[in-house]
Protein backbone atom coordinates (compact mmCIF):
# COMPACT_ATOMS: atom_id res chain seq x y z
CA MET A 1 21.62 16.76 29.88
CA THR A 2 24.66 17.04 27.62
CA PRO A 3 26.46 13.84 26.60
CA ILE A 4 30.07 13.43 27.53
CA LYS A 5 32.42 14.75 24.84
CA THR A 6 35.66 13.64 23.25
CA GLY A 7 38.50 14.96 25.38
CA ASP A 8 36.55 14.76 28.66
CA LYS A 9 37.85 12.74 31.58
CA ALA A 10 35.64 9.65 31.88
CA PRO A 11 33.58 9.71 35.07
CA ASP A 12 34.59 6.83 37.33
CA PHE A 13 31.96 4.38 38.49
CA THR A 14 31.50 1.12 40.33
CA LEU A 15 28.76 -1.19 39.04
CA VAL A 16 27.70 -4.77 39.70
CA THR A 17 28.09 -7.65 37.27
CA LYS A 18 26.81 -11.15 37.95
CA THR A 19 29.28 -13.96 37.34
CA ALA A 20 29.21 -17.70 37.98
CA GLU A 21 30.95 -16.88 41.29
CA GLY A 22 28.23 -14.41 42.24
CA PRO A 23 27.91 -10.62 42.11
CA GLN A 24 31.19 -8.78 41.48
CA LEU A 25 31.97 -5.07 41.58
CA VAL A 26 33.51 -3.53 38.46
CA LYS A 27 35.26 -0.21 38.94
CA LEU A 28 36.18 1.73 35.80
CA SER A 29 39.34 3.17 37.36
CA ASP A 30 40.67 -0.37 37.91
CA TYR A 31 41.04 -0.62 34.11
CA ILE A 32 42.54 2.83 33.53
CA GLY A 33 46.25 2.53 32.77
CA LYS A 34 45.83 -1.11 31.72
CA THR A 35 43.59 -1.14 28.65
CA ASN A 36 41.39 0.93 26.39
CA ILE A 37 37.72 0.65 27.30
CA VAL A 38 34.51 0.55 25.28
CA LEU A 39 31.28 1.25 27.14
CA LEU A 40 28.14 0.16 25.29
CA PHE A 41 25.05 1.62 26.90
CA VAL A 42 21.87 -0.22 25.90
CA PRO A 43 18.29 0.58 26.91
CA MET A 44 17.01 -2.80 28.11
CA ALA A 45 17.80 -6.49 28.36
CA PHE A 46 15.76 -8.99 26.36
CA THR A 47 14.86 -6.51 23.61
CA SER A 48 15.59 -7.40 20.00
CA VAL A 49 18.00 -4.60 19.05
CA CYS A 50 19.96 -4.76 22.33
CA THR A 51 20.25 -8.53 22.00
CA ALA A 52 21.40 -8.35 18.37
CA GLU A 53 23.95 -5.63 19.19
CA LEU A 54 25.55 -7.40 22.15
CA CYS A 55 25.50 -10.81 20.44
CA GLU A 56 27.29 -9.31 17.44
CA ILE A 57 29.88 -7.66 19.69
CA SER A 58 30.33 -10.93 21.60
CA SER A 59 30.92 -12.90 18.41
CA GLY A 60 33.41 -10.31 17.16
CA ILE A 61 35.16 -9.70 20.49
CA SER A 62 38.54 -10.72 19.02
CA ASP A 63 38.46 -7.48 16.98
CA TYR A 64 38.34 -5.50 20.22
CA ASP A 65 40.91 -7.71 21.94
CA GLY A 66 43.23 -6.98 19.01
CA LEU A 67 42.71 -3.25 19.59
CA GLU A 68 43.62 -3.64 23.28
CA ALA A 69 40.09 -2.83 24.44
CA LYS A 70 37.90 -4.19 27.21
CA VAL A 71 34.21 -3.99 26.25
CA PHE A 72 31.41 -3.60 28.80
CA GLY A 73 27.66 -3.54 28.22
CA ILE A 74 25.71 -1.27 30.56
CA SER A 75 21.95 -1.21 31.15
CA GLY A 76 19.59 -0.34 33.98
CA ASP A 77 18.53 -3.95 34.40
CA SER A 78 19.31 -5.88 37.57
CA PRO A 79 22.49 -7.99 37.47
CA PHE A 80 20.32 -11.08 37.86
CA ALA A 81 18.23 -10.25 34.78
CA GLN A 82 21.41 -9.42 32.87
CA GLU A 83 22.91 -12.79 33.81
CA ILE A 84 19.85 -14.70 32.56
CA TRP A 85 19.81 -12.61 29.37
CA ALA A 86 23.51 -13.25 28.72
CA GLN A 87 23.13 -16.97 29.28
CA LYS A 88 20.01 -17.22 27.10
CA GLU A 89 21.50 -15.24 24.21
CA GLY A 90 25.20 -16.14 24.44
CA ILE A 91 26.37 -12.64 25.35
CA SER A 92 29.95 -13.01 26.52
CA ILE A 93 30.95 -9.43 27.34
CA PRO A 94 30.55 -8.35 30.96
CA LEU A 95 27.17 -6.72 31.58
CA LEU A 96 27.12 -4.01 34.22
CA SER A 97 23.97 -3.09 36.12
CA ASP A 98 23.32 0.65 36.26
CA TYR A 99 20.15 -0.02 38.23
CA GLU A 100 19.88 3.53 39.59
CA HIS A 101 20.82 5.02 36.18
CA ASP A 102 23.58 7.06 37.84
CA VAL A 103 26.22 6.19 35.24
CA ALA A 104 23.91 6.88 32.28
CA LYS A 105 23.20 10.28 33.84
CA ALA A 106 26.89 10.97 34.59
CA TYR A 107 27.74 10.24 30.95
CA GLY A 108 24.76 12.31 29.75
CA VAL A 109 23.16 9.40 27.89
CA ALA A 110 19.93 8.95 29.89
CA TYR A 111 16.49 9.60 28.44
CA ASP A 112 14.27 12.04 30.32
CA GLN A 113 11.41 9.80 29.17
CA PHE A 114 11.97 6.55 27.30
CA LEU A 115 9.62 6.18 24.29
CA PRO A 116 6.72 8.22 25.69
CA ASP A 117 4.79 7.71 22.42
CA ALA A 118 4.72 3.98 23.24
CA ASN A 119 3.72 4.72 26.86
CA LEU A 120 7.19 3.69 28.09
CA ILE A 121 7.85 6.85 30.06
CA MET A 122 10.56 5.48 32.33
CA GLY A 123 13.14 8.18 33.02
CA GLY A 124 16.84 7.43 33.23
CA VAL A 125 16.91 4.57 30.69
CA ALA A 126 20.20 4.69 28.80
CA LYS A 127 20.24 5.82 25.20
CA ARG A 128 22.02 3.35 22.94
CA SER A 129 25.55 4.75 23.03
CA ALA A 130 29.19 3.85 22.54
CA VAL A 131 32.01 5.53 24.47
CA VAL A 132 35.71 4.82 23.87
CA ILE A 133 38.04 5.62 26.76
CA ASP A 134 41.82 5.50 26.37
CA LYS A 135 44.32 4.08 28.86
CA GLU A 136 44.65 7.51 30.50
CA GLY A 137 40.91 7.68 31.18
CA VAL A 138 40.18 10.25 28.48
CA VAL A 139 37.12 9.90 26.25
CA ARG A 140 38.25 9.47 22.62
CA PHE A 141 34.94 8.72 20.88
CA VAL A 142 31.25 9.17 21.70
CA ASP A 143 28.21 8.15 19.67
CA VAL A 144 24.81 8.65 21.33
CA LYS A 145 21.67 7.61 19.48
CA GLU A 146 18.34 9.30 20.12
CA HIS A 147 16.24 6.43 18.77
CA PRO A 148 16.70 3.05 20.48
CA ARG A 149 16.63 1.18 17.16
CA ASP A 150 19.73 2.99 15.85
CA LEU A 151 23.06 1.25 16.44
CA PRO A 152 26.28 3.08 17.31
CA ASP A 153 28.94 3.64 14.66
CA PHE A 154 31.07 0.57 15.34
CA ASP A 155 33.45 1.44 12.49
CA GLY A 156 34.02 4.73 14.31
CA VAL A 157 34.59 2.87 17.58
CA LYS A 158 37.20 0.64 15.94
CA ALA A 159 38.84 3.58 14.16
CA ALA A 160 39.12 5.45 17.47
CA LEU A 161 40.64 2.38 19.12
CA GLY A 162 43.01 1.88 16.18
CA SER A 163 44.31 5.43 16.57
CA LEU A 164 45.23 4.63 20.19
CA SER A 165 47.48 1.67 19.34
């Protein structure tokens, strides 16, 4: 499975997020033409690295707002688990449930087997990744990490967004 590349058209998707008003559908194409988009794929809710990453992004969200970017976190967890995780940890970015792992696969960022050495052989879990999509729906930056402890290049994400302004 080859990860999406810079210059590719971003695959559209519709995923569920859980809000105070209940489950809501988020469709990528609804944001195309309106804002730049950052997709942050994370392996699993409630894990230390994923929590630290999304808490840091949440606390620095004004940097992304200033770069005209909407940031979404995506994992294979249920929207209900994501909601509890966000509330517990203070994650303020929308979390999208890729429960069937279809979006991770479409973007080429799904593990065939997640940490088989640790007996976590679940296929389809998202690799920690960052994807920047411009207002025309074109991918402008991709950083896919093979090891789940490695964080994306957030300076690269911001530089890519800055070049779009």
